[in-house]
Amino acid sequence: MIEYVKTILQKVSFSKYLFERELRKGLRLISPSDIQEFKDWCYLMFGKIHQVILNRYFEPAL
């Protein structure tokens, strides 16, 4: 499932709205054991263009 979510995010990365929507949906599909690997991949691939969105979903609330 993680590879499917990665593929979708790559296809919609041009749009902040679509990226955030698909990231939210993807996080529900990925097993808890794969979340750290997925987080690392997301920051590597999209950290420069979607860092604010990634921080919203991956950084713990203070």
PDB file of N, CA and C in Angstrom:
ATOM      1  N   MET A   1       0.828  -1.194   0.000  1.00  0.00           N
ATOM      2  CA  MET A   1       0.000   0.000   0.000  1.00  0.00           C
ATOM      3  C   MET A   1       0.871   1.256   0.000  1.00  0.00           C
ATOM      4  N   ILE A   2       2.015   1.185   0.664  1.00  0.00           N
ATOM      5  CA  ILE A   2       2.878   2.366   0.760  1.00  0.00           C
ATOM      6  C   ILE A   2       3.362   2.790  -0.634  1.00  0.00           C
ATOM      7  N   GLU A   3       3.648   1.844  -1.494  1.00  0.00           N
ATOM      8  CA  GLU A   3       4.115   2.188  -2.845  1.00  0.00           C
ATOM      9  C   GLU A   3       3.005   2.866  -3.647  1.00  0.00           C
ATOM     10  N   TYR A   4       1.785   2.428  -3.443  1.00  0.00           N
ATOM     11  CA  TYR A   4       0.646   3.051  -4.112  1.00  0.00           C
ATOM     12  C   TYR A   4       0.512   4.515  -3.687  1.00  0.00           C
ATOM     13  N   VAL A   5       0.597   4.770  -2.394  1.00  0.00           N
ATOM     14  CA  VAL A   5       0.468   6.133  -1.872  1.00  0.00           C
ATOM     15  C   VAL A   5       1.615   7.004  -2.392  1.00  0.00           C
ATOM     16  N   LYS A   6       2.809   6.465  -2.444  1.00  0.00           N
ATOM     17  CA  LYS A   6       3.952   7.214  -2.972  1.00  0.00           C
ATOM     18  C   LYS A   6       3.715   7.619  -4.431  1.00  0.00           C
ATOM     19  N   THR A   7       3.194   6.692  -5.212  1.00  0.00           N
ATOM     20  CA  THR A   7       2.919   6.959  -6.626  1.00  0.00           C
ATOM     21  C   THR A   7       1.899   8.084  -6.769  1.00  0.00           C
ATOM     22  N   ILE A   8       0.844   8.019  -5.995  1.00  0.00           N
ATOM     23  CA  ILE A   8      -0.195   9.050  -6.055  1.00  0.00           C
ATOM     24  C   ILE A   8       0.382  10.414  -5.681  1.00  0.00           C
ATOM     25  N   LEU A   9       1.168  10.473  -4.606  1.00  0.00           N
ATOM     26  CA  LEU A   9       1.731  11.756  -4.174  1.00  0.00           C
ATOM     27  C   LEU A   9       2.648  12.353  -5.235  1.00  0.00           C
ATOM     28  N   GLN A  10       3.401  11.521  -5.910  1.00  0.00           N
ATOM     29  CA  GLN A  10       4.265  12.032  -6.967  1.00  0.00           C
ATOM     30  C   GLN A  10       3.450  12.627  -8.110  1.00  0.00           C
ATOM     31  N   LYS A  11       2.298  12.031  -8.385  1.00  0.00           N
ATOM     32  CA  LYS A  11       1.468  12.510  -9.491  1.00  0.00           C
ATOM     33  C   LYS A  11       0.736  13.807  -9.165  1.00  0.00           C
ATOM     34  N   VAL A  12       0.460  14.048  -7.891  1.00  0.00           N
ATOM     35  CA  VAL A  12      -0.311  15.245  -7.527  1.00  0.00           C
ATOM     36  C   VAL A  12       0.546  16.321  -6.858  1.00  0.00           C
ATOM     37  N   SER A  13       1.840  16.150  -6.843  1.00  0.00           N
ATOM     38  CA  SER A  13       2.711  17.081  -6.118  1.00  0.00           C
ATOM     39  C   SER A  13       2.701  18.491  -6.711  1.00  0.00           C
ATOM     40  N   PHE A  14       2.190  18.666  -7.918  1.00  0.00           N
ATOM     41  CA  PHE A  14       2.128  19.994  -8.531  1.00  0.00           C
ATOM     42  C   PHE A  14       1.113  20.904  -7.841  1.00  0.00           C
ATOM     43  N   SER A  15       0.173  20.321  -7.108  1.00  0.00           N
ATOM     44  CA  SER A  15      -0.898  21.093  -6.474  1.00  0.00           C
ATOM     45  C   SER A  15      -0.864  20.908  -4.960  1.00  0.00           C
ATOM     46  N   LYS A  16      -0.752  22.015  -4.236  1.00  0.00           N
ATOM     47  CA  LYS A  16      -0.738  21.926  -2.770  1.00  0.00           C
ATOM     48  C   LYS A  16      -2.033  21.323  -2.248  1.00  0.00           C
ATOM     49  N   TYR A  17      -3.157  21.704  -2.841  1.00  0.00           N
ATOM     50  CA  TYR A  17      -4.451  21.198  -2.398  1.00  0.00           C
ATOM     51  C   TYR A  17      -4.552  19.681  -2.595  1.00  0.00           C
ATOM     52  N   LEU A  18      -4.232  19.214  -3.800  1.00  0.00           N
ATOM     53  CA  LEU A  18      -4.304  17.779  -4.075  1.00  0.00           C
ATOM     54  C   LEU A  18      -3.286  17.005  -3.254  1.00  0.00           C
ATOM     55  N   PHE A  19      -2.094  17.568  -3.107  1.00  0.00           N
ATOM     56  CA  PHE A  19      -1.061  16.894  -2.332  1.00  0.00           C
ATOM     57  C   PHE A  19      -1.518  16.677  -0.892  1.00  0.00           C
ATOM     58  N   GLU A  20      -2.065  17.716  -0.280  1.00  0.00           N
ATOM     59  CA  GLU A  20      -2.509  17.594   1.101  1.00  0.00           C
ATOM     60  C   GLU A  20      -3.658  16.592   1.223  1.00  0.00           C
ATOM     61  N   ARG A  21      -4.590  16.660   0.307  1.00  0.00           N
ATOM     62  CA  ARG A  21      -5.732  15.738   0.352  1.00  0.00           C
ATOM     63  C   ARG A  21      -5.279  14.288   0.214  1.00  0.00           C
ATOM     64  N   GLU A  22      -4.378  14.024  -0.720  1.00  0.00           N
ATOM     65  CA  GLU A  22      -3.904  12.650  -0.931  1.00  0.00           C
ATOM     66  C   GLU A  22      -2.984  12.193   0.198  1.00  0.00           C
ATOM     67  N   LEU A  23      -2.223  13.099   0.784  1.00  0.00           N
ATOM     68  CA  LEU A  23      -1.396  12.747   1.928  1.00  0.00           C
ATOM     69  C   LEU A  23      -2.284  12.316   3.098  1.00  0.00           C
ATOM     70  N   ARG A  24      -3.331  13.065   3.351  1.00  0.00           N
ATOM     71  CA  ARG A  24      -4.262  12.739   4.432  1.00  0.00           C
ATOM     72  C   ARG A  24      -4.890  11.359   4.200  1.00  0.00           C
ATOM     73  N   LYS A  25      -5.339  11.110   2.981  1.00  0.00           N
ATOM     74  CA  LYS A  25      -5.936   9.816   2.660  1.00  0.00           C
ATOM     75  C   LYS A  25      -4.894   8.701   2.763  1.00  0.00           C
ATOM     76  N   GLY A  26      -3.697   8.981   2.280  1.00  0.00           N
ATOM     77  CA  GLY A  26      -2.639   7.973   2.301  1.00  0.00           C
ATOM     78  C   GLY A  26      -2.229   7.570   3.701  1.00  0.00           C
ATOM     79  N   LEU A  27      -2.204   8.522   4.610  1.00  0.00           N
ATOM     80  CA  LEU A  27      -1.822   8.210   5.986  1.00  0.00           C
ATOM     81  C   LEU A  27      -2.811   7.252   6.639  1.00  0.00           C
ATOM     82  N   ARG A  28      -4.041   7.260   6.205  1.00  0.00           N
ATOM     83  CA  ARG A  28      -5.029   6.314   6.733  1.00  0.00           C
ATOM     84  C   ARG A  28      -4.808   4.906   6.185  1.00  0.00           C
ATOM     85  N   LEU A  29      -4.189   4.797   5.016  1.00  0.00           N
ATOM     86  CA  LEU A  29      -3.993   3.507   4.367  1.00  0.00           C
ATOM     87  C   LEU A  29      -2.710   2.800   4.795  1.00  0.00           C
ATOM     88  N   ILE A  30      -1.732   3.572   5.231  1.00  0.00           N
ATOM     89  CA  ILE A  30      -0.415   3.014   5.556  1.00  0.00           C
ATOM     90  C   ILE A  30      -0.436   2.441   6.968  1.00  0.00           C
ATOM     91  N   SER A  31       0.169   1.277   7.121  1.00  0.00           N
ATOM     92  CA  SER A  31       0.214   0.653   8.441  1.00  0.00           C
ATOM     93  C   SER A  31       1.119   1.459   9.376  1.00  0.00           C
ATOM     94  N   PRO A  32       0.811   1.443  10.664  1.00  0.00           N
ATOM     95  CA  PRO A  32       1.616   2.209  11.630  1.00  0.00           C
ATOM     96  C   PRO A  32       3.110   1.861  11.595  1.00  0.00           C
ATOM     97  N   SER A  33       3.437   0.634  11.261  1.00  0.00           N
ATOM     98  CA  SER A  33       4.850   0.241  11.222  1.00  0.00           C
ATOM     99  C   SER A  33       5.596   0.872  10.048  1.00  0.00           C
ATOM    100  N   ASP A  34       4.871   1.333   9.042  1.00  0.00           N
ATOM    101  CA  ASP A  34       5.504   1.943   7.868  1.00  0.00           C
ATOM    102  C   ASP A  34       5.521   3.469   7.902  1.00  0.00           C
ATOM    103  N   ILE A  35       4.930   4.066   8.907  1.00  0.00           N
ATOM    104  CA  ILE A  35       4.799   5.525   8.947  1.00  0.00           C
ATOM    105  C   ILE A  35       6.152   6.228   8.962  1.00  0.00           C
ATOM    106  N   GLN A  36       7.104   5.753   9.739  1.00  0.00           N
ATOM    107  CA  GLN A  36       8.411   6.425   9.818  1.00  0.00           C
ATOM    108  C   GLN A  36       9.126   6.393   8.466  1.00  0.00           C
ATOM    109  N   GLU A  37       9.096   5.257   7.810  1.00  0.00           N
ATOM    110  CA  GLU A  37       9.707   5.149   6.477  1.00  0.00           C
ATOM    111  C   GLU A  37       9.017   6.102   5.495  1.00  0.00           C
ATOM    112  N   PHE A  38       7.697   6.167   5.568  1.00  0.00           N
ATOM    113  CA  PHE A  38       6.930   7.043   4.693  1.00  0.00           C
ATOM    114  C   PHE A  38       7.240   8.512   4.978  1.00  0.00           C
ATOM    115  N   LYS A  39       7.334   8.864   6.254  1.00  0.00           N
ATOM    116  CA  LYS A  39       7.663  10.237   6.645  1.00  0.00           C
ATOM    117  C   LYS A  39       9.021  10.638   6.078  1.00  0.00           C
ATOM    118  N   ASP A  40      10.014   9.785   6.250  1.00  0.00           N
ATOM    119  CA  ASP A  40      11.358  10.076   5.744  1.00  0.00           C
ATOM    120  C   ASP A  40      11.336  10.271   4.231  1.00  0.00           C
ATOM    121  N   TRP A  41      10.615   9.415   3.532  1.00  0.00           N
ATOM    122  CA  TRP A  41      10.514   9.515   2.080  1.00  0.00           C
ATOM    123  C   TRP A  41       9.834  10.821   1.668  1.00  0.00           C
ATOM    124  N   CYS A  42       8.758  11.176   2.351  1.00  0.00           N
ATOM    125  CA  CYS A  42       8.029  12.408   2.032  1.00  0.00           C
ATOM    126  C   CYS A  42       8.916  13.640   2.181  1.00  0.00           C
ATOM    127  N   TYR A  43       9.659  13.715   3.282  1.00  0.00           N
ATOM    128  CA  TYR A  43      10.531  14.875   3.482  1.00  0.00           C
ATOM    129  C   TYR A  43      11.654  14.901   2.455  1.00  0.00           C
ATOM    130  N   LEU A  44      12.149  13.742   2.080  1.00  0.00           N
ATOM    131  CA  LEU A  44      13.206  13.678   1.069  1.00  0.00           C
ATOM    132  C   LEU A  44      12.688  14.135  -0.294  1.00  0.00           C
ATOM    133  N   MET A  45      11.516  13.669  -0.665  1.00  0.00           N
ATOM    134  CA  MET A  45      10.965  13.952  -1.989  1.00  0.00           C
ATOM    135  C   MET A  45      10.301  15.325  -2.096  1.00  0.00           C
ATOM    136  N   PHE A  46       9.588  15.738  -1.045  1.00  0.00           N
ATOM    137  CA  PHE A  46       8.738  16.920  -1.144  1.00  0.00           C
ATOM    138  C   PHE A  46       9.032  17.990  -0.100  1.00  0.00           C
ATOM    139  N   GLY A  47      10.073  17.809   0.686  1.00  0.00           N
ATOM    140  CA  GLY A  47      10.370  18.732   1.774  1.00  0.00           C
ATOM    141  C   GLY A  47      10.587  20.167   1.337  1.00  0.00           C
ATOM    142  N   LYS A  48      11.130  20.361   0.154  1.00  0.00           N
ATOM    143  CA  LYS A  48      11.404  21.721  -0.317  1.00  0.00           C
ATOM    144  C   LYS A  48      10.156  22.447  -0.788  1.00  0.00           C
ATOM    145  N   ILE A  49       9.198  21.719  -1.330  1.00  0.00           N
ATOM    146  CA  ILE A  49       8.024  22.399  -1.883  1.00  0.00           C
ATOM    147  C   ILE A  49       6.780  22.294  -1.006  1.00  0.00           C
ATOM    148  N   HIS A  50       6.708  21.273  -0.165  1.00  0.00           N
ATOM    149  CA  HIS A  50       5.509  21.068   0.655  1.00  0.00           C
ATOM    150  C   HIS A  50       5.843  20.912   2.145  1.00  0.00           C
ATOM    151  N   GLN A  51       6.871  21.559   2.607  1.00  0.00           N
ATOM    152  CA  GLN A  51       7.305  21.385   3.989  1.00  0.00           C
ATOM    153  C   GLN A  51       6.222  21.781   4.997  1.00  0.00           C
ATOM    154  N   VAL A  52       5.504  22.834   4.742  1.00  0.00           N
ATOM    155  CA  VAL A  52       4.463  23.287   5.664  1.00  0.00           C
ATOM    156  C   VAL A  52       3.386  22.210   5.816  1.00  0.00           C
ATOM    157  N   ILE A  53       2.986  21.633   4.707  1.00  0.00           N
ATOM    158  CA  ILE A  53       1.973  20.575   4.747  1.00  0.00           C
ATOM    159  C   ILE A  53       2.510  19.353   5.476  1.00  0.00           C
ATOM    160  N   LEU A  54       3.728  18.952   5.165  1.00  0.00           N
ATOM    161  CA  LEU A  54       4.317  17.785   5.822  1.00  0.00           C
ATOM    162  C   LEU A  54       4.439  18.002   7.322  1.00  0.00           C
ATOM    163  N   ASN A  55       4.855  19.191   7.714  1.00  0.00           N
ATOM    164  CA  ASN A  55       4.971  19.487   9.149  1.00  0.00           C
ATOM    165  C   ASN A  55       3.617  19.381   9.845  1.00  0.00           C
ATOM    166  N   ARG A  56       2.576  19.797   9.159  1.00  0.00           N
ATOM    167  CA  ARG A  56       1.235  19.755   9.726  1.00  0.00           C
ATOM    168  C   ARG A  56       0.809  18.321  10.055  1.00  0.00           C
ATOM    169  N   TYR A  57       1.225  17.366   9.243  1.00  0.00           N
ATOM    170  CA  TYR A  57       0.789  15.980   9.434  1.00  0.00           C
ATOM    171  C   TYR A  57       1.789  15.102  10.170  1.00  0.00           C
ATOM    172  N   PHE A  58       3.065  15.481  10.186  1.00  0.00           N
ATOM    173  CA  PHE A  58       4.069  14.621  10.796  1.00  0.00           C
ATOM    174  C   PHE A  58       4.669  15.137  12.097  1.00  0.00           C
ATOM    175  N   GLU A  59       4.648  16.428  12.323  1.00  0.00           N
ATOM    176  CA  GLU A  59       5.257  16.951  13.537  1.00  0.00           C
ATOM    177  C   GLU A  59       4.252  16.888  14.693  1.00  0.00           C
ATOM    178  N   PRO A  60       4.679  16.458  15.849  1.00  0.00           N
ATOM    179  CA  PRO A  60       3.755  16.385  16.991  1.00  0.00           C
ATOM    180  C   PRO A  60       3.346  17.780  17.474  1.00  0.00           C
ATOM    181  N   ALA A  61       2.158  17.880  17.950  1.00  0.00           N
ATOM    182  CA  ALA A  61       1.678  19.147  18.511  1.00  0.00           C
ATOM    183  C   ALA A  61       2.379  19.427  19.820  1.00  0.00           C
ATOM    184  N   LEU A  62       2.719  20.675  20.042  1.00  0.00           N
ATOM    185  CA  LEU A  62       3.422  21.036  21.276  1.00  0.00           C
ATOM    186  C   LEU A  62       2.449  21.353  22.378  1.00  0.00           C
TER     187      LEU A  62
END
